Amino acid sequence: MKRLIFLFVGALLLAGCNVQENDPVGNQPERVDGAIILPDKAEPEDTVELKTVVTQGEEQVADAEEVKFAVWKMGSEEEAIELKAVHEQDGMYAAATEFNEEGIYFVQAKIDAREQHVRPLMQFIVGELTEEEIQEFMNSKQKEEKNDAEEGHEHHHH
C-alpha cells in the first residue's frame, strides 16, 4: 500500500510541474529582447564591431545560451556569414567583421536565451550608395516600418 501512495504522490508532483509550464493565467516569463548597436556608417575594409544588448524586462541577460550575428549584403541572403558573439559585460554581446564592398547590409542577431529565441534585424550602410541603392534602401525601410506597424511590434518566438 505504501508503494501505491508513493506513486500517487509522485504523479501529483509531476502534474504540478506541468500546470506551471502551461499556465494560461499569464505567468509566463518576460520576453527576451535584443537591441542591435551598430556604428552610423562604415567604409569598405573597416573592421566593424557588431553589438547587441540582451535583456529580459529590466534585467540584462549575461547567461544567454548562444548569441550569433548573421550578416549579408542586400539581395544576397544565401551568402550570409555567421559570427559567434562573445559576452562582454552587462548583457552586451559583440563580434567583429569586415565589410569588403560598399552597399546595404543586413545584420541579424540570433539570440537563444532562457528558452526563448529572438531575431532582431537591422540594415547597415557601408561606403557611398548610388541613387538606386538609396531608393532601394528607403523602400525597404518603409516596408519594414509598415510590417512592424501591422505586427504591432509583437515578435514572440517560443
C-alpha atoms as a PDB file:
ATOM      1  CA  MET A   1       0.000   0.000   0.000  1.00  0.00           C
ATOM      2  CA  LYS A   2       2.859   2.405   0.804  1.00  0.00           C
ATOM      3  CA  ARG A   3       4.253   1.919  -2.694  1.00  0.00           C
ATOM      4  CA  LEU A   4       0.898   2.864  -4.234  1.00  0.00           C
ATOM      5  CA  ILE A   5       0.714   6.058  -2.159  1.00  0.00           C
ATOM      6  CA  PHE A   6       4.300   6.952  -3.155  1.00  0.00           C
ATOM      7  CA  LEU A   7       3.434   6.557  -6.863  1.00  0.00           C
ATOM      8  CA  PHE A   8       0.320   8.689  -6.407  1.00  0.00           C
ATOM      9  CA  VAL A   9       2.285  11.477  -4.677  1.00  0.00           C
ATOM     10  CA  GLY A  10       4.926  11.290  -7.445  1.00  0.00           C
ATOM     11  CA  ALA A  11       2.213  11.625 -10.085  1.00  0.00           C
ATOM     12  CA  LEU A  12       0.782  14.676  -8.271  1.00  0.00           C
ATOM     13  CA  LEU A  13       4.219  16.327  -8.170  1.00  0.00           C
ATOM     14  CA  LEU A  14       4.682  15.745 -11.900  1.00  0.00           C
ATOM     15  CA  ALA A  15       1.212  17.100 -12.619  1.00  0.00           C
ATOM     16  CA  GLY A  16       2.084  20.207 -10.589  1.00  0.00           C
ATOM     17  CA  CYS A  17       5.138  20.833 -12.798  1.00  0.00           C
ATOM     18  CA  ASN A  18       3.083  20.561 -15.960  1.00  0.00           C
ATOM     19  CA  VAL A  19       0.496  23.018 -14.695  1.00  0.00           C
ATOM     20  CA  GLN A  20       3.214  25.627 -14.193  1.00  0.00           C
ATOM     21  CA  GLU A  21       4.697  25.135 -17.665  1.00  0.00           C
ATOM     22  CA  ASN A  22       1.362  25.504 -19.445  1.00  0.00           C
ATOM     23  CA  ASP A  23      -0.002  28.220 -17.186  1.00  0.00           C
ATOM     24  CA  PRO A  24      -2.728  30.041 -19.159  1.00  0.00           C
ATOM     25  CA  VAL A  25      -3.067  32.736 -16.464  1.00  0.00           C
ATOM     26  CA  GLY A  26      -0.161  34.689 -17.907  1.00  0.00           C
ATOM     27  CA  ASN A  27       2.641  33.848 -15.509  1.00  0.00           C
ATOM     28  CA  GLN A  28       4.943  33.434 -18.483  1.00  0.00           C
ATOM     29  CA  PRO A  29       8.472  34.794 -18.096  1.00  0.00           C
ATOM     30  CA  GLU A  30       9.039  38.241 -19.569  1.00  0.00           C
ATOM     31  CA  ARG A  31      10.101  38.287 -23.188  1.00  0.00           C
ATOM     32  CA  VAL A  32      13.803  38.247 -24.002  1.00  0.00           C
ATOM     33  CA  ASP A  33      14.741  41.137 -26.272  1.00  0.00           C
ATOM     34  CA  GLY A  34      17.821  42.178 -28.211  1.00  0.00           C
ATOM     35  CA  ALA A  35      18.827  45.680 -29.290  1.00  0.00           C
ATOM     36  CA  ILE A  36      21.435  45.778 -32.059  1.00  0.00           C
ATOM     37  CA  ILE A  37      24.025  48.544 -31.819  1.00  0.00           C
ATOM     38  CA  LEU A  38      25.970  49.460 -34.965  1.00  0.00           C
ATOM     39  CA  PRO A  39      28.088  52.454 -35.922  1.00  0.00           C
ATOM     40  CA  ASP A  40      26.309  55.071 -38.042  1.00  0.00           C
ATOM     41  CA  LYS A  41      28.418  54.214 -41.064  1.00  0.00           C
ATOM     42  CA  ALA A  42      31.479  52.263 -42.174  1.00  0.00           C
ATOM     43  CA  GLU A  43      33.828  52.220 -45.125  1.00  0.00           C
ATOM     44  CA  PRO A  44      34.872  49.088 -47.039  1.00  0.00           C
ATOM     45  CA  GLU A  45      37.738  47.222 -45.336  1.00  0.00           C
ATOM     46  CA  ASP A  46      36.849  48.791 -41.939  1.00  0.00           C
ATOM     47  CA  THR A  47      36.586  46.363 -39.054  1.00  0.00           C
ATOM     48  CA  VAL A  48      33.156  46.930 -37.557  1.00  0.00           C
ATOM     49  CA  GLU A  49      32.065  45.849 -34.118  1.00  0.00           C
ATOM     50  CA  LEU A  50      28.554  44.400 -34.069  1.00  0.00           C
ATOM     51  CA  LYS A  51      26.876  44.561 -30.672  1.00  0.00           C
ATOM     52  CA  THR A  52      23.567  43.559 -29.176  1.00  0.00           C
ATOM     53  CA  VAL A  53      22.260  44.169 -25.676  1.00  0.00           C
ATOM     54  CA  VAL A  54      20.154  41.243 -24.476  1.00  0.00           C
ATOM     55  CA  THR A  55      17.518  41.977 -21.847  1.00  0.00           C
ATOM     56  CA  GLN A  56      14.550  40.320 -20.205  1.00  0.00           C
ATOM     57  CA  GLY A  57      12.308  43.020 -18.832  1.00  0.00           C
ATOM     58  CA  GLU A  58      14.626  45.341 -16.910  1.00  0.00           C
ATOM     59  CA  GLU A  59      17.258  42.626 -16.397  1.00  0.00           C
ATOM     60  CA  GLN A  60      20.388  42.399 -18.543  1.00  0.00           C
ATOM     61  CA  VAL A  61      20.918  38.811 -19.697  1.00  0.00           C
ATOM     62  CA  ALA A  62      24.517  37.687 -19.166  1.00  0.00           C
ATOM     63  CA  ASP A  63      23.725  33.960 -19.441  1.00  0.00           C
ATOM     64  CA  ALA A  64      22.385  33.563 -22.996  1.00  0.00           C
ATOM     65  CA  GLU A  65      22.889  30.061 -24.358  1.00  0.00           C
ATOM     66  CA  GLU A  66      24.036  31.463 -27.701  1.00  0.00           C
ATOM     67  CA  VAL A  67      24.276  34.806 -29.473  1.00  0.00           C
ATOM     68  CA  LYS A  68      25.334  35.000 -33.134  1.00  0.00           C
ATOM     69  CA  PHE A  69      25.184  37.595 -35.853  1.00  0.00           C
ATOM     70  CA  ALA A  70      24.192  36.793 -39.414  1.00  0.00           C
ATOM     71  CA  VAL A  71      25.451  39.372 -41.917  1.00  0.00           C
ATOM     72  CA  TRP A  72      24.615  39.617 -45.615  1.00  0.00           C
ATOM     73  CA  LYS A  73      24.574  42.139 -48.418  1.00  0.00           C
ATOM     74  CA  MET A  74      21.109  43.180 -49.632  1.00  0.00           C
ATOM     75  CA  GLY A  75      19.911  40.669 -52.214  1.00  0.00           C
ATOM     76  CA  SER A  76      22.458  38.008 -51.141  1.00  0.00           C
ATOM     77  CA  GLU A  77      20.895  36.441 -48.054  1.00  0.00           C
ATOM     78  CA  GLU A  78      22.011  32.982 -49.216  1.00  0.00           C
ATOM     79  CA  GLU A  79      25.621  34.182 -48.817  1.00  0.00           C
ATOM     80  CA  ALA A  80      25.156  35.261 -45.194  1.00  0.00           C
ATOM     81  CA  ILE A  81      28.067  34.758 -42.845  1.00  0.00           C
ATOM     82  CA  GLU A  82      27.538  33.875 -39.182  1.00  0.00           C
ATOM     83  CA  LEU A  83      29.688  35.233 -36.384  1.00  0.00           C
ATOM     84  CA  LYS A  84      29.640  33.962 -32.824  1.00  0.00           C
ATOM     85  CA  ALA A  85      29.218  36.813 -30.363  1.00  0.00           C
ATOM     86  CA  VAL A  86      31.069  36.943 -27.044  1.00  0.00           C
ATOM     87  CA  HIS A  87      29.535  38.287 -23.833  1.00  0.00           C
ATOM     88  CA  GLU A  88      31.475  41.398 -22.847  1.00  0.00           C
ATOM     89  CA  GLN A  89      29.528  42.748 -19.849  1.00  0.00           C
ATOM     90  CA  ASP A  90      26.054  43.701 -18.640  1.00  0.00           C
ATOM     91  CA  GLY A  91      24.184  41.708 -21.286  1.00  0.00           C
ATOM     92  CA  MET A  92      26.305  43.174 -24.138  1.00  0.00           C
ATOM     93  CA  TYR A  93      27.411  40.628 -26.743  1.00  0.00           C
ATOM     94  CA  ALA A  94      29.833  41.536 -29.522  1.00  0.00           C
ATOM     95  CA  ALA A  95      31.551  40.226 -32.642  1.00  0.00           C
ATOM     96  CA  ALA A  96      33.677  41.965 -35.257  1.00  0.00           C
ATOM     97  CA  THR A  97      33.635  41.671 -39.027  1.00  0.00           C
ATOM     98  CA  GLU A  98      34.928  43.440 -42.103  1.00  0.00           C
ATOM     99  CA  PHE A  99      32.713  44.616 -44.945  1.00  0.00           C
ATOM    100  CA  ASN A 100      34.568  44.265 -48.246  1.00  0.00           C
ATOM    101  CA  GLU A 101      32.212  46.144 -50.562  1.00  0.00           C
ATOM    102  CA  GLU A 102      30.080  49.260 -50.469  1.00  0.00           C
ATOM    103  CA  GLY A 103      26.373  48.680 -50.239  1.00  0.00           C
ATOM    104  CA  ILE A 104      23.452  47.948 -47.957  1.00  0.00           C
ATOM    105  CA  TYR A 105      23.877  45.106 -45.500  1.00  0.00           C
ATOM    106  CA  PHE A 106      21.584  43.331 -43.074  1.00  0.00           C
ATOM    107  CA  VAL A 107      22.730  42.433 -39.577  1.00  0.00           C
ATOM    108  CA  GLN A 108      20.570  39.983 -37.658  1.00  0.00           C
ATOM    109  CA  ALA A 109      21.230  38.978 -34.067  1.00  0.00           C
ATOM    110  CA  LYS A 110      20.280  35.363 -33.388  1.00  0.00           C
ATOM    111  CA  ILE A 111      19.701  35.165 -29.662  1.00  0.00           C
ATOM    112  CA  ASP A 112      18.901  31.986 -27.741  1.00  0.00           C
ATOM    113  CA  ALA A 113      18.400  32.839 -24.084  1.00  0.00           C
ATOM    114  CA  ARG A 114      16.268  31.455 -21.279  1.00  0.00           C
ATOM    115  CA  GLU A 115      14.423  29.059 -23.570  1.00  0.00           C
ATOM    116  CA  GLN A 116      13.443  31.873 -25.950  1.00  0.00           C
ATOM    117  CA  HIS A 117      14.639  32.730 -29.452  1.00  0.00           C
ATOM    118  CA  VAL A 118      14.689  36.286 -30.769  1.00  0.00           C
ATOM    119  CA  ARG A 119      15.996  37.539 -34.111  1.00  0.00           C
ATOM    120  CA  PRO A 120      16.224  41.364 -34.284  1.00  0.00           C
ATOM    121  CA  LEU A 121      17.286  42.706 -37.696  1.00  0.00           C
ATOM    122  CA  MET A 122      18.897  45.981 -38.792  1.00  0.00           C
ATOM    123  CA  GLN A 123      20.105  47.485 -42.040  1.00  0.00           C
ATOM    124  CA  PHE A 124      23.577  48.965 -42.278  1.00  0.00           C
ATOM    125  CA  ILE A 125      25.246  51.124 -44.936  1.00  0.00           C
ATOM    126  CA  VAL A 126      28.866  50.613 -45.968  1.00  0.00           C
ATOM    127  CA  GLY A 127      30.579  53.280 -48.071  1.00  0.00           C
ATOM    128  CA  GLU A 128      28.768  55.539 -50.517  1.00  0.00           C
ATOM    129  CA  LEU A 129      25.483  54.464 -52.076  1.00  0.00           C
ATOM    130  CA  THR A 130      24.301  55.077 -55.609  1.00  0.00           C
ATOM    131  CA  GLU A 131      20.967  56.859 -56.107  1.00  0.00           C
ATOM    132  CA  GLU A 132      19.442  53.496 -57.000  1.00  0.00           C
ATOM    133  CA  GLU A 133      20.719  51.887 -53.778  1.00  0.00           C
ATOM    134  CA  ILE A 134      19.450  54.825 -51.707  1.00  0.00           C
ATOM    135  CA  GLN A 135      15.989  54.398 -53.265  1.00  0.00           C
ATOM    136  CA  GLU A 136      16.097  50.633 -52.621  1.00  0.00           C
ATOM    137  CA  PHE A 137      17.151  51.281 -49.017  1.00  0.00           C
ATOM    138  CA  MET A 138      14.335  53.795 -48.446  1.00  0.00           C
ATOM    139  CA  ASN A 139      11.756  51.445 -49.985  1.00  0.00           C
ATOM    140  CA  SER A 140      12.859  48.525 -47.830  1.00  0.00           C
ATOM    141  CA  LYS A 141      12.844  50.742 -44.707  1.00  0.00           C
ATOM    142  CA  GLN A 142       9.257  51.795 -45.445  1.00  0.00           C
ATOM    143  CA  LYS A 143       8.216  48.162 -45.912  1.00  0.00           C
ATOM    144  CA  GLU A 144       9.971  47.251 -42.661  1.00  0.00           C
ATOM    145  CA  GLU A 145       8.190  50.040 -40.745  1.00  0.00           C
ATOM    146  CA  LYS A 146       4.851  49.091 -42.314  1.00  0.00           C
ATOM    147  CA  ASN A 147       5.373  45.439 -41.337  1.00  0.00           C
ATOM    148  CA  ASP A 148       6.286  46.463 -37.790  1.00  0.00           C
ATOM    149  CA  ALA A 149       3.129  48.595 -37.544  1.00  0.00           C
ATOM    150  CA  GLU A 150       0.967  45.748 -38.875  1.00  0.00           C
ATOM    151  CA  GLU A 151       2.529  43.247 -36.487  1.00  0.00           C
ATOM    152  CA  GLY A 152       2.100  45.584 -33.537  1.00  0.00           C
ATOM    153  CA  HIS A 153       5.758  45.076 -32.612  1.00  0.00           C
ATOM    154  CA  GLU A 154       4.971  41.675 -31.116  1.00  0.00           C
ATOM    155  CA  HIS A 155       7.607  39.157 -32.170  1.00  0.00           C
ATOM    156  CA  HIS A 156       7.228  36.086 -29.985  1.00  0.00           C
ATOM    157  CA  HIS A 157       9.377  33.106 -30.927  1.00  0.00           C
ATOM    158  CA  HIS A 158       8.935  30.285 -28.470  1.00  0.00           C
END
